[in-house]
Amino acid sequence: MVENFPNIYGQQKRNRRTTALLILSFIVFFGFIGFGFDFFYLGVDPFGVVGESGFQFPLATICALGFGSISAIYSYQSGAIAVLKSAQAFPVPEDTPEHQMLRNVVDEMAIASGLPRPKLYIVPDADPNAFATGKGPAHSYIAVTEGLLANLNREELQGVIAHEMSHIKNYDIRLMTIVAALIGGILLLSDWMRGMMRFGGSRRVSSRRDRRASAGGPIMLILFVLWIIAVILAPIVVQLLAMAVSRKREYLADASGAELTRNPLALANALSKIESAAAPTQAIKKGSAHLCITDPMGRRLNQKEGFWAELFGTHPPISKRITLLKAMAYQYDSASAIA
């Protein structure tokens, strides 16, 4: 059998729940980083673990929580615009003849999906690619590269737009956009915290830090080690977070898009053309790569399967996606597409 997917309503519910959990985890992570700096470097001991007297106002914790909360709110409200700006995308004019086919295709897929028409943007890049972003169906955006418009015919473009409309309908865009927007906040906090650690590297501060790490016993020592790891490895962790947005979302969007067009071969042919493009999509930054229909970085890992590909890859192999789409049209190229 081909891949098993949750139904659309189950996917929507799961995405809303995952989004709320992601934002909460993000704020808690910021609070943990701030508390560790307060306790180990500034001498704040609100729970009396060490029993030292001193300045008790948790300044770093409050600042980190405030920054994390503001970043989370900003990510939800304005993350989509930030992603579009980072890709140098510009709105599609309503009266340009060269974009009429794109406008027509988006109108058709909006009607087929029962969704409001998303706002359209063009990314000035010759490599064919596309992504959707936004808070939800009522506040959504679809961006396509100039290379996509130049290389795909109408049916293939319709397949790509249907794929992106499926991401909008499934509420994938809210989750993936927030992940992309929160990456910057975590990287900024990590850089700031490492700088403060170097600034606070005096002998007296180091002595206090070491004494507090050991005074609370094994649990406090473990907490200190976890805090150091969190500060140092935050850039890596946040990239894993972006990649943890399941590869199966792409499979589901492929299947849902094929259902909208009733033409799975259109998207299969589009993916084949996109795969054959040699150059990466330079306009799209690494932090937004998981939003795109295919990996804009062109990383080889995304053409593989297995544990490491699932952990570090942002997209499933295009060859497998094409095989599954052809199987929907009863064109079985490989035994892997069937039981």
Protein backbone atom coordinates (compact mmCIF):
# COMPACT_ATOMS: atom_id res chain seq x y z
CA MET A 1 0.00 0.00 0.00
CA VAL A 2 1.08 3.62 -0.42
CA GLU A 3 1.70 5.84 2.61
CA ASN A 4 -1.08 6.08 5.17
CA PHE A 5 -2.11 9.65 5.99
CA PRO A 6 -4.41 11.17 8.59
CA ASN A 7 -7.51 12.78 7.16
CA ILE A 8 -7.49 16.54 6.58
CA TYR A 9 -9.49 17.39 9.71
CA GLY A 10 -7.23 15.23 11.86
CA GLN A 11 -4.20 16.93 10.33
CA GLN A 12 -5.66 20.38 11.01
CA LYS A 13 -6.35 19.52 14.64
CA ARG A 14 -2.89 18.05 15.11
CA ASN A 15 -1.22 21.08 13.52
CA ARG A 16 -3.10 23.50 15.80
CA ARG A 17 -2.10 21.45 18.85
CA THR A 18 1.52 21.17 17.71
CA THR A 19 1.69 24.91 17.05
CA ALA A 20 0.48 25.76 20.57
CA LEU A 21 2.93 23.24 22.07
CA LEU A 22 5.77 24.64 19.97
CA ILE A 23 5.17 28.21 21.13
CA LEU A 24 4.91 27.12 24.77
CA SER A 25 8.11 25.07 24.50
CA PHE A 26 9.87 28.02 22.89
CA ILE A 27 8.93 30.34 25.79
CA VAL A 28 9.92 27.72 28.38
CA PHE A 29 13.27 27.27 26.63
CA PHE A 30 13.90 31.01 26.82
CA GLY A 31 12.96 31.02 30.50
CA PHE A 32 15.31 28.11 31.20
CA ILE A 33 18.22 29.89 29.51
CA GLY A 34 17.53 33.10 31.45
CA PHE A 35 17.14 31.31 34.80
CA GLY A 36 20.42 29.46 34.33
CA PHE A 37 22.26 32.72 33.75
CA ASP A 38 20.56 34.30 36.79
CA PHE A 39 21.43 31.38 39.06
CA PHE A 40 24.92 30.43 37.94
CA TYR A 41 26.28 33.86 36.96
CA LEU A 42 24.31 36.61 38.72
CA GLY A 43 23.91 34.85 42.08
CA VAL A 44 20.11 34.79 42.15
CA ASP A 45 18.92 31.97 44.42
CA PRO A 46 15.11 32.28 44.71
CA PHE A 47 14.65 28.69 45.93
CA GLY A 48 17.40 28.75 48.55
CA VAL A 49 19.36 25.95 46.90
CA VAL A 50 22.73 27.36 47.95
CA GLY A 51 21.52 29.56 50.78
CA GLU A 52 23.58 32.59 49.76
CA SER A 53 22.31 36.08 50.28
CA GLY A 54 22.48 38.48 47.41
CA PHE A 55 20.59 40.10 44.61
CA GLN A 56 17.38 38.12 44.19
CA PHE A 57 15.66 39.83 41.27
CA PRO A 58 15.69 37.34 38.35
CA LEU A 59 16.61 39.91 35.73
CA ALA A 60 17.87 37.54 33.03
CA THR A 61 14.88 35.20 33.48
CA ILE A 62 12.36 38.02 33.10
CA CYS A 63 14.21 39.50 30.12
CA ALA A 64 14.47 36.11 28.42
CA LEU A 65 10.79 35.30 29.05
CA GLY A 66 9.78 38.74 27.80
CA PHE A 67 11.89 38.43 24.69
CA GLY A 68 10.63 34.91 24.06
CA SER A 69 6.98 35.92 24.49
CA ILE A 70 7.36 38.94 22.21
CA SER A 71 9.16 36.79 19.63
CA ALA A 72 6.38 34.17 19.77
CA ILE A 73 3.65 36.81 19.34
CA TYR A 74 5.57 38.46 16.52
CA SER A 75 6.14 35.09 14.86
CA TYR A 76 2.42 34.36 14.90
CA GLN A 77 1.32 37.82 13.77
CA SER A 78 4.08 38.84 11.36
CA GLY A 79 6.15 35.74 10.68
CA ALA A 80 4.75 35.32 7.17
CA ILE A 81 5.71 38.85 6.13
CA ALA A 82 9.18 38.36 7.60
CA VAL A 83 9.63 35.17 5.55
CA LEU A 84 8.50 36.93 2.36
CA LYS A 85 10.84 39.85 3.00
CA SER A 86 13.76 37.51 3.65
CA ALA A 87 13.15 35.96 0.21
CA GLN A 88 12.90 39.45 -1.40
CA ALA A 89 9.43 38.50 -2.65
CA PHE A 90 7.18 41.16 -4.17
CA PRO A 91 3.38 41.13 -4.71
CA VAL A 92 2.01 39.98 -8.05
CA PRO A 93 0.37 42.97 -9.79
CA GLU A 94 -3.27 42.53 -10.74
CA ASP A 95 -2.91 43.82 -14.30
CA THR A 96 0.28 42.25 -15.71
CA PRO A 97 -0.39 39.96 -18.70
CA GLU A 98 2.62 37.76 -17.93
CA HIS A 99 1.11 36.80 -14.57
CA GLN A 100 -2.45 36.20 -15.79
CA MET A 101 -2.02 32.43 -16.00
CA LEU A 102 -0.77 32.35 -12.40
CA ARG A 103 -3.72 34.41 -11.18
CA ASN A 104 -6.16 32.18 -13.07
CA VAL A 105 -4.65 28.97 -11.69
CA VAL A 106 -4.71 30.27 -8.12
CA ASP A 107 -8.37 31.33 -8.53
CA GLU A 108 -9.23 27.84 -9.81
CA MET A 109 -7.49 26.08 -6.92
CA ALA A 110 -9.02 28.44 -4.37
CA ILE A 111 -12.48 27.52 -5.68
CA ALA A 112 -11.63 23.80 -5.78
CA SER A 113 -10.35 23.85 -2.19
CA GLY A 114 -13.10 26.10 -0.84
CA LEU A 115 -10.54 28.55 0.55
CA PRO A 116 -10.14 32.31 0.21
CA ARG A 117 -7.73 33.33 -2.52
CA PRO A 118 -4.24 33.70 -1.00
CA LYS A 119 -2.11 36.75 -1.78
CA LEU A 120 0.43 36.06 -4.51
CA TYR A 121 4.13 36.90 -4.44
CA ILE A 122 7.03 36.45 -6.84
CA VAL A 123 10.52 35.51 -5.63
CA PRO A 124 13.22 36.94 -7.94
CA ASP A 125 15.17 33.73 -8.47
CA ALA A 126 15.77 31.67 -11.60
CA ASP A 127 15.53 28.32 -9.78
CA PRO A 128 12.02 26.78 -9.86
CA ASN A 129 10.47 26.60 -6.39
CA ALA A 130 7.42 27.70 -4.39
CA PHE A 131 6.16 27.97 -0.83
CA ALA A 132 3.07 28.94 1.15
CA THR A 133 3.06 30.87 4.40
CA GLY A 134 0.65 32.66 6.73
CA LYS A 135 -1.43 32.29 9.89
CA GLY A 136 -4.19 30.27 8.27
CA PRO A 137 -6.54 30.15 5.26
CA ALA A 138 -7.86 33.66 5.88
CA HIS A 139 -4.33 35.14 6.06
CA SER A 140 -2.27 33.13 3.60
CA TYR A 141 0.35 33.80 0.94
CA ILE A 142 1.75 31.77 -1.94
CA ALA A 143 5.14 32.70 -3.36
CA VAL A 144 6.57 31.27 -6.57
CA THR A 145 9.97 31.92 -8.10
CA GLU A 146 10.43 33.47 -11.51
CA GLY A 147 12.10 30.22 -12.52
CA LEU A 148 8.97 28.24 -11.69
CA LEU A 149 6.82 30.42 -13.94
CA ALA A 150 9.38 30.19 -16.73
CA ASN A 151 9.83 26.40 -16.63
CA LEU A 152 6.37 24.93 -15.93
CA ASN A 153 3.41 24.67 -18.24
CA ARG A 154 -0.12 25.42 -17.06
CA GLU A 155 -0.96 21.92 -15.81
CA GLU A 156 2.31 21.64 -13.91
CA LEU A 157 1.85 25.07 -12.35
CA GLN A 158 -1.65 24.01 -11.33
CA GLY A 159 -0.19 20.93 -9.60
CA VAL A 160 2.28 23.06 -7.63
CA ILE A 161 -0.37 25.61 -6.62
CA ALA A 162 -2.71 22.80 -5.53
CA HIS A 163 0.11 21.40 -3.37
CA GLU A 164 0.58 24.79 -1.70
CA MET A 165 -3.19 25.27 -1.27
CA SER A 166 -3.22 21.91 0.54
CA HIS A 167 -0.59 23.20 2.98
CA ILE A 168 -2.88 26.17 3.62
CA LYS A 169 -5.97 24.01 4.09
CA ASN A 170 -4.16 21.61 6.44
CA TYR A 171 -2.84 24.52 8.57
CA ASP A 172 0.71 23.38 7.82
CA ILE A 173 1.58 26.99 7.01
CA ARG A 174 0.93 28.25 10.53
CA LEU A 175 3.21 25.66 12.10
CA MET A 176 5.96 25.91 9.48
CA THR A 177 5.92 29.72 9.40
CA ILE A 178 6.20 29.98 13.18
CA VAL A 179 9.11 27.54 13.15
CA ALA A 180 10.87 29.65 10.50
CA ALA A 181 10.27 32.90 12.40
CA LEU A 182 11.30 31.55 15.82
CA ILE A 183 14.65 30.36 14.52
CA GLY A 184 15.97 33.92 14.45
CA GLY A 185 14.90 34.59 18.04
CA ILE A 186 16.63 31.50 19.39
CA LEU A 187 19.84 32.19 17.47
CA LEU A 188 19.86 35.78 18.74
CA LEU A 189 19.36 34.68 22.36
CA SER A 190 22.10 32.06 22.03
CA ASP A 191 24.58 34.59 20.66
CA TRP A 192 23.69 37.12 23.38
CA MET A 193 23.99 34.53 26.15
CA ARG A 194 27.38 33.26 24.95
CA GLY A 195 28.61 36.84 24.86
CA MET A 196 27.39 37.44 28.42
CA MET A 197 29.11 34.25 29.55
CA ARG A 198 32.41 35.50 28.13
CA PHE A 199 31.85 38.93 29.70
CA GLY A 200 31.09 37.33 33.04
CA GLY A 201 34.16 35.12 32.99
CA SER A 202 35.95 36.75 35.95
CA ARG A 203 37.51 34.59 38.65
CA ARG A 204 34.87 35.63 41.22
CA VAL A 205 31.97 34.88 38.89
CA SER A 206 33.53 31.59 37.80
CA SER A 207 34.01 30.58 41.43
CA ARG A 208 30.37 31.35 42.23
CA ARG A 209 29.22 29.43 39.18
CA ASP A 210 31.28 26.34 40.06
CA ARG A 211 30.21 26.50 43.72
CA ARG A 212 26.53 26.74 42.83
CA ALA A 213 26.79 23.94 40.27
CA SER A 214 28.14 21.57 42.94
CA ALA A 215 26.32 22.83 46.06
CA GLY A 216 22.94 21.55 44.97
CA GLY A 217 24.15 17.98 44.52
CA PRO A 218 23.92 15.79 41.42
CA ILE A 219 20.60 17.30 40.28
CA MET A 220 21.98 20.83 40.22
CA LEU A 221 25.13 19.64 38.49
CA ILE A 222 23.02 17.93 35.82
CA LEU A 223 20.94 21.11 35.44
CA PHE A 224 24.11 23.13 34.96
CA VAL A 225 25.39 20.76 32.29
CA LEU A 226 22.03 20.83 30.49
CA TRP A 227 22.02 24.62 30.63
CA ILE A 228 25.51 24.85 29.14
CA ILE A 229 24.54 22.37 26.41
CA ALA A 230 21.37 24.37 25.65
CA VAL A 231 23.32 27.62 25.28
CA ILE A 232 26.10 26.14 23.16
CA LEU A 233 23.98 23.84 21.00
CA ALA A 234 20.95 26.13 20.54
CA PRO A 235 21.84 26.92 16.89
CA ILE A 236 21.97 23.18 16.11
CA VAL A 237 18.87 22.39 18.15
CA VAL A 238 16.84 25.07 16.39
CA GLN A 239 17.81 23.69 12.99
CA LEU A 240 16.69 20.24 14.12
CA LEU A 241 13.44 21.85 15.24
CA ALA A 242 12.88 23.20 11.76
CA MET A 243 13.69 19.83 10.25
CA ALA A 244 11.42 18.05 12.74
CA VAL A 245 8.45 19.43 10.82
CA SER A 246 7.51 16.01 9.52
CA ARG A 247 8.45 15.01 5.99
CA LYS A 248 5.03 13.36 5.78
CA ARG A 249 3.47 16.83 5.43
CA GLU A 250 4.89 16.93 1.92
CA TYR A 251 3.43 13.53 1.09
CA LEU A 252 0.04 14.61 2.43
CA ALA A 253 0.15 17.89 0.49
CA ASP A 254 1.06 15.97 -2.67
CA ALA A 255 -1.91 13.64 -2.21
CA SER A 256 -4.31 16.46 -1.27
CA GLY A 257 -3.12 18.56 -4.20
CA ALA A 258 -3.63 15.69 -6.61
CA GLU A 259 -7.16 15.35 -5.24
CA LEU A 260 -7.84 19.02 -6.02
CA THR A 261 -6.59 18.84 -9.62
CA ARG A 262 -7.64 15.22 -10.31
CA ASN A 263 -4.32 15.09 -12.16
CA PRO A 264 -1.47 13.64 -10.06
CA LEU A 265 0.82 13.45 -13.11
CA ALA A 266 0.83 17.25 -13.37
CA LEU A 267 2.58 17.59 -10.00
CA ALA A 268 4.80 14.59 -10.76
CA ASN A 269 6.00 16.27 -13.96
CA ALA A 270 6.48 19.57 -12.12
CA LEU A 271 8.60 17.88 -9.45
CA SER A 272 10.66 16.19 -12.15
CA LYS A 273 11.42 19.56 -13.75
CA ILE A 274 12.22 21.13 -10.39
CA GLU A 275 14.55 18.24 -9.55
CA SER A 276 16.43 18.63 -12.82
CA ALA A 277 17.26 22.27 -12.04
CA ALA A 278 20.93 22.35 -11.09
CA ALA A 279 21.22 25.61 -9.13
CA PRO A 280 19.93 26.12 -5.55
CA THR A 281 17.27 28.74 -4.82
CA GLN A 282 19.60 31.44 -3.55
CA ALA A 283 16.88 33.95 -2.61
CA ILE A 284 15.38 31.60 -0.01
CA LYS A 285 17.33 31.41 3.24
CA LYS A 286 18.19 28.22 5.10
CA GLY A 287 15.78 29.02 7.95
CA SER A 288 12.85 29.01 5.50
CA ALA A 289 13.92 25.95 3.50
CA HIS A 290 11.33 23.65 5.10
CA LEU A 291 8.54 25.86 3.71
CA CYS A 292 9.38 25.14 0.07
CA ILE A 293 7.92 22.45 -2.15
CA THR A 294 11.46 21.10 -2.64
CA ASP A 295 14.67 21.77 -0.75
CA PRO A 296 16.01 25.12 -2.01
CA MET A 297 19.50 24.21 -0.76
CA GLY A 298 19.70 21.09 -2.93
CA ARG A 299 21.09 18.96 -0.09
CA ARG A 300 21.78 15.31 -0.92
CA LEU A 301 20.39 14.16 2.42
CA ASN A 302 16.89 15.02 1.23
CA GLN A 303 17.21 12.44 -1.52
CA LYS A 304 17.64 9.64 1.02
CA GLU A 305 15.51 7.76 3.51
CA GLY A 306 16.26 6.30 6.92
CA PHE A 307 17.00 7.56 10.45
CA TRP A 308 19.49 10.30 9.59
CA ALA A 309 17.40 11.61 6.72
CA GLU A 310 14.33 11.75 8.98
CA LEU A 311 16.34 13.57 11.67
CA PHE A 312 18.20 16.10 9.54
CA GLY A 313 16.27 16.24 6.26
CA THR A 314 13.63 18.85 5.49
CA HIS A 315 11.97 17.08 2.53
CA PRO A 316 11.28 13.52 1.41
CA PRO A 317 13.05 12.22 -1.70
CA ILE A 318 11.58 13.71 -4.86
CA SER A 319 11.95 10.39 -6.65
CA LYS A 320 9.67 8.70 -4.10
CA ARG A 321 7.15 11.54 -4.28
CA ILE A 322 7.04 11.19 -8.06
CA THR A 323 6.62 7.40 -7.77
CA LEU A 324 3.69 7.80 -5.36
CA LEU A 325 2.03 10.44 -7.56
CA LYS A 326 2.35 8.19 -10.61
CA ALA A 327 0.87 5.34 -8.60
CA MET A 328 -2.21 7.53 -8.00
CA ALA A 329 -2.54 7.64 -11.81
CA TYR A 330 -2.01 3.85 -11.95
CA GLN A 331 1.46 4.20 -13.44
CA TYR A 332 3.58 1.95 -11.27
CA ASP A 333 7.27 2.53 -11.94
CA SER A 334 8.48 0.70 -8.86
CA ALA A 335 7.36 -2.09 -6.61
CA SER A 336 7.93 0.28 -3.69
CA ALA A 337 4.76 2.09 -4.53
CA ILE A 338 2.59 -0.93 -3.97
CA ALA A 339 2.29 -3.57 -1.28
